[in-house]
């Protein structure tokens, strides 16, 4: 198993701080996510069924009819590599490590590609895997650039896989409305923007044949009934979505300013996190962790990802920790 953010119980045991004593900034999940109400009793008593409103809500939210729900985008990215013969796969680096891991495990030849080398990789790869915005660097690619790469790959029977887990705050940058398109595969998640990581709901958008192949791999009832209900309600909550986007953009600017004021100027980021690239990232991570503040540590390159604090007391706690225990 690869290492991820959000391993709060491990941190609590390691540093001897109870779970309730932590400020978890390690995941990039919206700290003021959609507040799910009580699901109807029926969704607990019956097997999940289609035509319950989830697909319709997703069609309207994402702007495409060609999609398939799954138990988070993780389930989809693990299944995709088994739908191709061994291929030359370029994966953005640094990036979400599960992508390269999944393609390697399925027997593909994986190359890690820096953002600046992606155009060249699109010309020689059979599959190109991009996150937009990228996690953890925040690097962005324009829809025009991505669609150009997709056209090049498609002419050779290739795929462009775009992980849009962090794009909901800027939906105009999404390629979802361009689906279906030959060679284009989009992954979306309700875990980050909606703050519903525990519900494990994601979607894949692609051509109908590929969706049917994925459906066969994922099997029936891949998303639980309560999760389907919660996801549909969140996708329909347009007023909340509009407010959340404004709050997240404001919060990202505030976090950038706070970190910069303590010699931790972000090298990149998006509405849900800021990425700080420093040679002594491990030291900063340890100093904050000893104060009960969990960040996401990366070693290649040495860097930290800071998610957004939520209520004002959390902002003050982070500010006090940076002031009371200098990290540089």
Protein backbone atom coordinates (compact mmCIF):
# COMPACT_ATOMS: atom_id res chain seq x y z
CA UNK A 1 0.00 0.00 0.00
CA UNK A 2 1.30 3.44 -0.92
CA UNK A 3 1.41 6.22 1.65
CA UNK A 4 -1.35 8.86 1.62
CA UNK A 5 -2.50 11.82 3.64
CA UNK A 6 -5.17 11.49 6.29
CA UNK A 7 -3.46 8.76 8.33
CA UNK A 8 -4.44 10.51 11.52
CA UNK A 9 -4.56 7.44 13.75
CA UNK A 10 -0.98 6.57 12.83
CA UNK A 11 0.12 10.12 13.62
CA UNK A 12 -1.73 10.08 16.94
CA UNK A 13 0.06 6.89 17.98
CA UNK A 14 3.46 8.08 16.76
CA UNK A 15 3.41 11.48 18.47
CA UNK A 16 1.34 10.57 21.53
CA UNK A 17 -1.37 13.14 20.80
CA UNK A 18 -5.03 12.02 21.03
CA UNK A 19 -7.10 12.10 17.84
CA UNK A 20 -9.15 15.02 19.11
CA UNK A 21 -5.98 17.07 19.55
CA UNK A 22 -5.04 17.20 15.86
CA UNK A 23 -5.49 19.74 13.09
CA UNK A 24 -5.38 17.58 9.96
CA UNK A 25 -4.19 19.55 6.92
CA UNK A 26 -2.82 16.50 5.12
CA UNK A 27 -5.65 15.53 2.77
CA UNK A 28 -6.69 18.50 0.63
CA UNK A 29 -10.34 17.84 1.55
CA UNK A 30 -12.70 20.81 1.87
CA UNK A 31 -12.88 21.46 5.64
CA UNK A 32 -16.35 22.98 5.22
CA UNK A 33 -17.78 20.30 2.97
CA UNK A 34 -21.35 19.49 2.09
CA UNK A 35 -23.35 18.66 5.22
CA UNK A 36 -25.14 15.43 4.45
CA UNK A 37 -28.50 14.98 6.11
CA UNK A 38 -29.97 11.71 7.32
CA UNK A 39 -30.45 9.27 4.46
CA UNK A 40 -33.91 7.70 4.07
CA UNK A 41 -34.32 4.37 5.81
CA UNK A 42 -34.98 2.67 2.46
CA UNK A 43 -31.43 3.20 1.19
CA UNK A 44 -30.15 1.13 4.11
CA UNK A 45 -32.63 -1.71 3.62
CA UNK A 46 -32.46 -2.25 -0.16
CA UNK A 47 -29.68 -3.04 -2.59
CA UNK A 48 -28.51 0.04 -4.49
CA UNK A 49 -30.47 0.66 -7.69
CA UNK A 50 -29.91 2.82 -10.73
CA UNK A 51 -32.66 5.33 -11.62
CA UNK A 52 -32.51 6.67 -8.07
CA UNK A 53 -31.51 10.15 -9.26
CA UNK A 54 -27.72 9.89 -8.94
CA UNK A 55 -26.92 9.55 -12.63
CA UNK A 56 -29.34 12.33 -13.55
CA UNK A 57 -27.78 14.68 -10.98
CA UNK A 58 -24.32 13.78 -12.26
CA UNK A 59 -25.31 14.38 -15.90
CA UNK A 60 -26.46 17.88 -15.00
CA UNK A 61 -23.47 18.69 -12.78
CA UNK A 62 -20.72 17.41 -15.10
CA UNK A 63 -22.36 18.34 -18.39
CA UNK A 64 -22.14 14.92 -20.03
CA UNK A 65 -24.41 11.90 -20.40
CA UNK A 66 -21.56 9.40 -20.69
CA UNK A 67 -20.45 8.58 -17.16
CA UNK A 68 -20.29 5.73 -14.67
CA UNK A 69 -20.29 6.02 -10.86
CA UNK A 70 -17.86 3.98 -8.80
CA UNK A 71 -16.57 3.66 -5.25
CA UNK A 72 -14.28 6.65 -5.64
CA UNK A 73 -11.97 7.47 -8.54
CA UNK A 74 -9.43 5.13 -6.93
CA UNK A 75 -11.47 2.10 -7.99
CA UNK A 76 -11.56 3.38 -11.56
CA UNK A 77 -7.87 4.18 -11.91
CA UNK A 78 -7.02 0.70 -10.64
CA UNK A 79 -9.32 -0.96 -13.19
CA UNK A 80 -8.37 1.08 -16.28
CA UNK A 81 -4.90 -0.45 -16.85
CA UNK A 82 -6.43 -3.91 -17.29
CA UNK A 83 -8.42 -2.76 -20.32
CA UNK A 84 -5.32 -2.34 -22.51
CA UNK A 85 -2.53 -4.56 -23.75
CA UNK A 86 0.91 -3.62 -22.34
CA UNK A 87 1.55 -0.02 -23.43
CA UNK A 88 3.97 2.88 -23.09
CA UNK A 89 2.42 4.99 -20.34
CA UNK A 90 3.55 8.48 -19.36
CA UNK A 91 2.45 9.67 -15.92
CA UNK A 92 2.93 13.21 -14.62
CA UNK A 93 5.55 13.58 -11.87
CA UNK A 94 5.44 14.64 -9.14
CA UNK A 95 1.85 13.53 -8.96
CA UNK A 96 -0.65 11.21 -7.32
CA UNK A 97 1.45 8.08 -6.90
CA UNK A 98 -1.43 5.61 -7.30
CA UNK A 99 -1.59 6.26 -11.04
CA UNK A 100 1.92 5.02 -11.85
CA UNK A 101 1.53 2.20 -9.33
CA UNK A 102 -1.66 0.91 -10.97
CA UNK A 103 -0.24 0.95 -14.50
CA UNK A 104 2.99 -0.76 -13.43
CA UNK A 105 1.10 -3.45 -11.54
CA UNK A 106 -0.87 -4.26 -14.71
CA UNK A 107 2.34 -4.82 -16.68
CA UNK A 108 2.67 -1.51 -18.57
CA UNK A 109 5.93 0.37 -19.19
CA UNK A 110 5.62 3.52 -17.11
CA UNK A 111 7.69 6.67 -17.48
CA UNK A 112 7.43 9.53 -15.00
CA UNK A 113 7.12 12.81 -16.89
CA UNK A 114 7.69 16.35 -15.61
CA UNK A 115 5.06 18.95 -16.55
CA UNK A 116 7.38 20.68 -19.00
CA UNK A 117 7.96 17.41 -20.88
CA UNK A 118 4.29 16.47 -21.24
CA UNK A 119 3.94 17.75 -24.85
CA UNK A 120 6.81 15.52 -25.98
CA UNK A 121 5.41 12.58 -24.01
CA UNK A 122 2.05 13.00 -25.74
CA UNK A 123 3.80 12.42 -29.07
CA UNK A 124 5.40 9.10 -28.10
CA UNK A 125 3.20 7.56 -25.40
CA UNK A 126 0.25 5.25 -25.92
CA UNK A 127 -1.35 6.43 -22.68
CA UNK A 128 -0.77 9.77 -20.98
CA UNK A 129 -1.99 10.28 -17.40
CA UNK A 130 -2.40 13.86 -16.22
CA UNK A 131 -3.92 15.43 -13.11
CA UNK A 132 -5.48 18.85 -13.67
CA UNK A 133 -4.84 20.71 -11.46
CA UNK A 134 -1.95 18.49 -10.51
CA UNK A 135 -1.63 17.01 -7.05
CA UNK A 136 0.50 18.14 -5.21
CA UNK A 137 2.06 20.90 -7.34
CA UNK A 138 -1.12 22.64 -8.54
CA UNK A 139 0.20 22.74 -12.13
CA UNK A 140 -2.61 23.41 -14.62
CA UNK A 141 -3.08 22.61 -18.28
CA UNK A 142 -5.56 24.44 -20.51
CA UNK A 143 -8.46 22.54 -22.09
CA UNK A 144 -7.03 23.39 -25.53
CA UNK A 145 -3.66 21.89 -24.65
CA UNK A 146 -5.18 18.73 -23.22
CA UNK A 147 -7.53 18.24 -26.16
CA UNK A 148 -4.59 18.62 -28.54
CA UNK A 149 -2.72 15.86 -26.73
CA UNK A 150 -5.87 13.73 -26.75
CA UNK A 151 -6.20 14.10 -30.53
CA UNK A 152 -2.57 13.04 -31.03
CA UNK A 153 -2.96 10.01 -28.78
CA UNK A 154 -6.30 9.01 -30.25
CA UNK A 155 -4.90 8.88 -33.79
CA UNK A 156 -2.60 6.10 -32.55
CA UNK A 157 -5.31 4.30 -30.60
CA UNK A 158 -4.08 5.86 -27.36
CA UNK A 159 -5.72 7.37 -24.31
CA UNK A 160 -5.49 10.62 -22.42
CA UNK A 161 -6.49 10.02 -18.79
CA UNK A 162 -7.22 13.24 -16.89
CA UNK A 163 -7.70 13.09 -13.13
CA UNK A 164 -9.84 16.09 -12.20
CA UNK A 165 -10.15 15.40 -8.46
CA UNK A 166 -9.33 19.02 -7.57
CA UNK A 167 -11.05 20.88 -10.42
CA UNK A 168 -14.53 21.46 -8.95
CA UNK A 169 -13.63 24.92 -7.64
CA UNK A 170 -12.92 25.99 -11.25
CA UNK A 171 -15.42 23.90 -13.27
CA UNK A 172 -14.86 25.90 -16.45
CA UNK A 173 -11.46 24.20 -16.76
CA UNK A 174 -12.97 20.71 -16.85
CA UNK A 175 -12.96 18.49 -19.93
CA UNK A 176 -16.07 16.63 -18.76
CA UNK A 177 -18.39 18.49 -21.19
CA UNK A 178 -16.20 17.24 -24.08
CA UNK A 179 -17.04 13.60 -23.29
CA UNK A 180 -17.52 11.35 -25.06
CA UNK A 181 -14.48 11.89 -27.27
CA UNK A 182 -12.17 9.31 -28.80
CA UNK A 183 -9.33 8.48 -26.41
CA UNK A 184 -10.49 10.81 -23.62
CA UNK A 185 -11.06 9.45 -20.10
CA UNK A 186 -11.96 11.77 -17.21
CA UNK A 187 -11.89 10.87 -13.51
CA UNK A 188 -13.89 12.87 -10.98
CA UNK A 189 -14.38 12.53 -7.23
CA UNK A 190 -16.75 13.87 -4.58
CA UNK A 191 -14.07 13.50 -1.93
CA UNK A 192 -12.24 16.82 -2.21
CA UNK A 193 -14.50 19.77 -3.13
CA UNK A 194 -17.62 18.28 -1.54
CA UNK A 195 -15.70 17.03 1.49
CA UNK A 196 -17.25 13.56 1.13
CA UNK A 197 -14.08 11.45 1.16
CA UNK A 198 -15.68 8.87 3.42
CA UNK A 199 -18.62 8.30 1.08
CA UNK A 200 -16.27 6.87 -1.58
CA UNK A 201 -18.07 8.17 -4.67
CA UNK A 202 -16.39 8.99 -7.96
CA UNK A 203 -17.20 9.03 -11.66
CA UNK A 204 -15.49 8.12 -14.91
CA UNK A 205 -16.43 9.81 -18.19
CA UNK A 206 -15.46 8.11 -21.44
CA UNK A 207 -16.78 6.51 -24.62
CA UNK A 208 -19.73 4.12 -24.13
CA UNK A 209 -17.78 0.93 -24.95
CA UNK A 210 -15.11 1.72 -22.37
CA UNK A 211 -17.75 2.50 -19.76
CA UNK A 212 -19.38 -0.87 -20.37
CA UNK A 213 -16.04 -2.62 -19.99
CA UNK A 214 -15.44 -0.83 -16.70
CA UNK A 215 -18.95 -1.66 -15.54
CA UNK A 216 -18.15 -5.33 -16.10
CA UNK A 217 -14.97 -5.08 -14.00
CA UNK A 218 -16.49 -3.07 -11.17
CA UNK A 219 -19.57 -5.28 -10.94
CA UNK A 220 -23.00 -4.51 -9.48
CA UNK A 221 -23.58 -2.29 -6.44
CA UNK A 222 -20.16 -0.65 -6.64
CA UNK A 223 -21.51 2.38 -4.72
CA UNK A 224 -23.55 1.85 -1.56
CA UNK A 225 -27.15 3.05 -1.36
CA UNK A 226 -26.48 5.70 1.34
CA UNK A 227 -23.49 7.01 -0.60
CA UNK A 228 -25.56 7.25 -3.78
CA UNK A 229 -28.21 9.25 -1.93
CA UNK A 230 -25.70 11.63 -0.34
CA UNK A 231 -23.87 12.13 -3.65
CA UNK A 232 -27.05 12.96 -5.55
CA UNK A 233 -28.08 15.52 -2.94
CA UNK A 234 -24.64 17.18 -3.02
CA UNK A 235 -24.52 17.31 -6.82
CA UNK A 236 -27.89 19.09 -6.90
CA UNK A 237 -26.95 21.70 -4.26
CA UNK A 238 -26.00 24.51 -6.64
CA UNK A 239 -26.34 27.32 -4.11
CA UNK A 240 -23.97 25.56 -1.72
CA UNK A 241 -21.54 24.84 -4.58
CA UNK A 242 -21.41 28.50 -5.60
CA UNK A 243 -20.72 29.57 -2.02
CA UNK A 244 -18.10 26.88 -1.51
CA UNK A 245 -16.16 28.00 -4.58
CA UNK A 246 -15.96 31.55 -3.28
CA UNK A 247 -14.89 30.39 0.19
CA UNK A 248 -12.23 28.05 -1.16
CA UNK A 249 -10.66 30.65 -3.46
CA UNK A 250 -10.54 33.11 -0.58
CA UNK A 251 -9.13 30.46 1.77
CA UNK A 252 -6.42 29.48 -0.69
CA UNK A 253 -5.27 33.10 -0.98
CA UNK A 254 -5.26 33.42 2.82
CA UNK A 255 -3.22 30.23 3.25
CA UNK A 256 -0.74 31.34 0.59
CA UNK A 257 -0.27 34.63 2.44
CA UNK A 258 0.07 32.99 5.85
CA UNK A 259 2.71 30.52 4.70
CA UNK A 260 4.61 33.16 2.75
CA UNK A 261 4.74 35.31 5.87
CA UNK A 262 6.67 32.54 7.63
CA UNK A 263 9.25 31.87 4.91
CA UNK A 264 7.23 28.99 3.49
CA UNK A 265 6.23 30.57 0.19
CA UNK A 266 4.17 28.09 -1.86
CA UNK A 267 5.59 26.99 -5.20
CA UNK A 268 2.12 26.02 -6.38
CA UNK A 269 -1.35 25.07 -5.29
CA UNK A 270 -5.05 25.31 -6.02
CA UNK A 271 -8.24 26.19 -4.18
CA UNK A 272 -7.89 23.21 -1.81
CA UNK A 273 -4.18 23.16 -0.95
CA UNK A 274 -0.83 24.93 -1.13
CA UNK A 275 2.43 23.19 -2.04
CA UNK A 276 5.68 24.26 -0.39
CA UNK A 277 8.90 22.96 -1.95
CA UNK A 278 11.80 23.16 0.51
CA UNK A 279 14.89 21.04 1.11
CA UNK A 280 14.11 20.61 4.83
CA UNK A 281 10.49 19.55 4.40
CA UNK A 282 10.90 16.62 6.80
CA UNK A 283 12.08 18.96 9.56
CA UNK A 284 9.10 21.27 9.05
CA UNK A 285 6.74 18.30 9.01
CA UNK A 286 8.15 17.00 12.30
CA UNK A 287 8.00 20.36 14.07
CA UNK A 288 4.38 20.89 13.11
CA UNK A 289 3.43 17.30 13.92
CA UNK A 290 4.83 17.65 17.43
CA UNK A 291 2.29 20.47 17.84
CA UNK A 292 -0.55 18.31 16.56
CA UNK A 293 -0.68 19.73 13.03
CA UNK A 294 -0.55 17.10 10.29
CA UNK A 295 0.64 18.03 6.81
CA UNK A 296 1.42 15.87 3.78
CA UNK A 297 5.13 15.14 3.37
CA UNK A 298 6.70 14.32 0.00
CA UNK A 299 10.27 13.18 -0.58
CA UNK A 300 10.58 13.46 -4.38
CA UNK A 301 10.93 16.37 -4.47
CA UNK A 302 11.25 17.38 -0.82
CA UNK A 303 8.04 19.28 -0.16
CA UNK A 304 4.91 19.73 1.95
CA UNK A 305 1.26 20.08 1.01
CA UNK A 306 -0.94 22.16 3.31
CA UNK A 307 -4.70 21.73 3.13
CA UNK A 308 -7.03 24.53 4.23
CA UNK A 309 -7.91 25.07 7.88
CA UNK A 310 -11.66 25.28 8.50
CA UNK A 311 -13.11 27.51 11.21
CA UNK A 312 -11.27 30.55 12.54
CA UNK A 313 -9.82 28.72 15.55
CA UNK A 314 -7.99 26.36 13.18
CA UNK A 315 -6.50 29.27 11.26
CA UNK A 316 -5.31 30.81 14.51
CA UNK A 317 -3.85 27.50 15.64
CA UNK A 318 -1.79 27.16 12.47
CA UNK A 319 -0.66 30.78 12.70
CA UNK A 320 0.36 30.32 16.35
CA UNK A 321 2.25 27.14 15.58
CA UNK A 322 4.22 28.86 12.84
CA UNK A 323 4.97 31.80 15.13
CA UNK A 324 5.71 29.85 18.33
CA UNK A 325 7.96 27.24 16.79
CA UNK A 326 9.87 28.71 13.84
CA UNK A 327 10.21 26.13 11.07
CA UNK A 328 13.12 27.64 9.12
